[in-house]
Amino acid sequence: MQAKIIEKIGQVVRGEIAVEELPGSTTERITIGLAFNALAKTNPSFEGDEEGAWWRLDASQRKIVRAFNPAYRTRKWAKLARLV
């Protein structure tokens, strides 16, 4: 699943697809939305609820978010990851 998500991130970066038009599962879109700070575009139902979206992700998806978005490398998000 990680490779699939990273490929979709590459498609967005290369301009092949708009972030709001990404196909895929809810958690794939959440992962990409958090990675790009575009959760409102990928999963409008989670707009403003980053913590709720974070809880939906598994460890490998959280790792992707942290790799692409430094905001999720803070103590707050590391602490939430340990609670799972």
C-alpha atoms as a PDB file:
ATOM      1  CA  MET A   1       0.000   0.000   0.000  1.00  0.00           C
ATOM      2  CA  GLN A   2       2.876   2.408   0.731  1.00  0.00           C
ATOM      3  CA  ALA A   3       4.155   2.202  -2.829  1.00  0.00           C
ATOM      4  CA  LYS A   4       0.670   2.933  -4.161  1.00  0.00           C
ATOM      5  CA  ILE A   5       0.325   6.033  -1.969  1.00  0.00           C
ATOM      6  CA  ILE A   6       3.797   7.289  -2.853  1.00  0.00           C
ATOM      7  CA  GLU A   7       3.018   6.827  -6.553  1.00  0.00           C
ATOM      8  CA  LYS A   8      -0.149   8.911  -6.143  1.00  0.00           C
ATOM      9  CA  ILE A   9       1.858  11.602  -4.340  1.00  0.00           C
ATOM     10  CA  GLY A  10       4.237  11.587  -7.307  1.00  0.00           C
ATOM     11  CA  GLN A  11       1.327  12.017  -9.710  1.00  0.00           C
ATOM     12  CA  VAL A  12       0.162  15.082  -7.776  1.00  0.00           C
ATOM     13  CA  VAL A  13       3.676  16.547  -7.618  1.00  0.00           C
ATOM     14  CA  ARG A  14       4.167  16.005 -11.359  1.00  0.00           C
ATOM     15  CA  GLY A  15       0.810  17.677 -12.065  1.00  0.00           C
ATOM     16  CA  GLU A  16      -0.712  14.549 -13.593  1.00  0.00           C
ATOM     17  CA  ILE A  17      -3.727  14.689 -11.288  1.00  0.00           C
ATOM     18  CA  ALA A  18      -5.184  17.301  -8.975  1.00  0.00           C
ATOM     19  CA  VAL A  19      -5.145  16.402  -5.296  1.00  0.00           C
ATOM     20  CA  GLU A  20      -8.931  16.748  -5.048  1.00  0.00           C
ATOM     21  CA  GLU A  21      -9.425  14.277  -7.905  1.00  0.00           C
ATOM     22  CA  LEU A  22      -7.380  11.441  -6.427  1.00  0.00           C
ATOM     23  CA  PRO A  23      -8.976   8.028  -6.622  1.00  0.00           C
ATOM     24  CA  GLY A  24      -8.408   5.551  -3.844  1.00  0.00           C
ATOM     25  CA  SER A  25      -9.531   4.448  -0.433  1.00  0.00           C
ATOM     26  CA  THR A  26     -10.444   6.880   2.308  1.00  0.00           C
ATOM     27  CA  THR A  27      -7.216   6.255   4.191  1.00  0.00           C
ATOM     28  CA  GLU A  28      -5.109   6.705   1.050  1.00  0.00           C
ATOM     29  CA  ARG A  29      -6.753  10.070   0.429  1.00  0.00           C
ATOM     30  CA  ILE A  30      -6.364  11.051   4.103  1.00  0.00           C
ATOM     31  CA  THR A  31      -2.658  10.168   3.971  1.00  0.00           C
ATOM     32  CA  ILE A  32      -2.139  12.315   0.895  1.00  0.00           C
ATOM     33  CA  GLY A  33      -4.331  15.107   2.248  1.00  0.00           C
ATOM     34  CA  LEU A  34      -2.319  15.329   5.462  1.00  0.00           C
ATOM     35  CA  ALA A  35       0.971  15.072   3.571  1.00  0.00           C
ATOM     36  CA  PHE A  36       0.020  18.089   1.424  1.00  0.00           C
ATOM     37  CA  ASN A  37      -2.042  20.007   4.024  1.00  0.00           C
ATOM     38  CA  ALA A  38      -4.964  19.468   1.665  1.00  0.00           C
ATOM     39  CA  LEU A  39      -7.315  17.396   3.814  1.00  0.00           C
ATOM     40  CA  ALA A  40     -10.267  19.634   2.899  1.00  0.00           C
ATOM     41  CA  LYS A  41      -9.706  18.743  -0.761  1.00  0.00           C
ATOM     42  CA  THR A  42      -9.064  15.016  -0.374  1.00  0.00           C
ATOM     43  CA  ASN A  43     -11.574  14.292   2.399  1.00  0.00           C
ATOM     44  CA  PRO A  44     -13.959  17.219   2.951  1.00  0.00           C
ATOM     45  CA  SER A  45     -15.677  15.400   5.818  1.00  0.00           C
ATOM     46  CA  PHE A  46     -12.422  15.645   7.815  1.00  0.00           C
ATOM     47  CA  GLU A  47     -11.855  19.347   7.155  1.00  0.00           C
ATOM     48  CA  GLY A  48     -10.532  20.846  10.383  1.00  0.00           C
ATOM     49  CA  ASP A  49     -10.294  17.422  12.045  1.00  0.00           C
ATOM     50  CA  GLU A  50      -6.680  16.460  11.454  1.00  0.00           C
ATOM     51  CA  GLU A  51      -6.575  14.423  14.673  1.00  0.00           C
ATOM     52  CA  GLY A  52      -9.624  12.425  13.653  1.00  0.00           C
ATOM     53  CA  ALA A  53      -8.062  11.788  10.262  1.00  0.00           C
ATOM     54  CA  TRP A  54      -4.734  10.826  11.884  1.00  0.00           C
ATOM     55  CA  TRP A  55      -6.476   8.177  13.993  1.00  0.00           C
ATOM     56  CA  ARG A  56      -7.779   6.498  10.810  1.00  0.00           C
ATOM     57  CA  LEU A  57      -4.240   5.846   9.523  1.00  0.00           C
ATOM     58  CA  ASP A  58      -2.053   2.856  10.221  1.00  0.00           C
ATOM     59  CA  ALA A  59       1.630   3.140  11.167  1.00  0.00           C
ATOM     60  CA  SER A  60       2.900   2.944   7.592  1.00  0.00           C
ATOM     61  CA  GLN A  61       0.523   5.676   6.425  1.00  0.00           C
ATOM     62  CA  ARG A  62       1.548   7.922   9.329  1.00  0.00           C
ATOM     63  CA  LYS A  63       5.173   7.374   8.356  1.00  0.00           C
ATOM     64  CA  ILE A  64       4.413   8.679   4.854  1.00  0.00           C
ATOM     65  CA  VAL A  65       2.665  11.769   6.257  1.00  0.00           C
ATOM     66  CA  ARG A  66       5.645  12.513   8.512  1.00  0.00           C
ATOM     67  CA  ALA A  67       8.080  12.034   5.627  1.00  0.00           C
ATOM     68  CA  PHE A  68       6.303  14.594   3.438  1.00  0.00           C
ATOM     69  CA  ASN A  69       4.983  17.060   6.017  1.00  0.00           C
ATOM     70  CA  PRO A  70       7.322  18.243   8.785  1.00  0.00           C
ATOM     71  CA  ALA A  71       4.379  19.551  10.838  1.00  0.00           C
ATOM     72  CA  TYR A  72       3.578  15.921  11.693  1.00  0.00           C
ATOM     73  CA  ARG A  73       7.066  15.293  13.094  1.00  0.00           C
ATOM     74  CA  THR A  74       6.303  17.269  16.246  1.00  0.00           C
ATOM     75  CA  ARG A  75       5.920  15.812  19.715  1.00  0.00           C
ATOM     76  CA  LYS A  76       2.109  16.145  19.567  1.00  0.00           C
ATOM     77  CA  TRP A  77       1.770  13.794  16.604  1.00  0.00           C
ATOM     78  CA  ALA A  78       4.410  11.358  17.859  1.00  0.00           C
ATOM     79  CA  LYS A  79       2.506  11.136  21.134  1.00  0.00           C
ATOM     80  CA  LEU A  80      -0.765  10.426  19.313  1.00  0.00           C
ATOM     81  CA  ALA A  81       0.917   7.725  17.231  1.00  0.00           C
ATOM     82  CA  ARG A  82       2.045   5.910  20.388  1.00  0.00           C
ATOM     83  CA  LEU A  83      -1.493   5.795  21.761  1.00  0.00           C
ATOM     84  CA  VAL A  84      -2.619   3.562  18.923  1.00  0.00           C
END
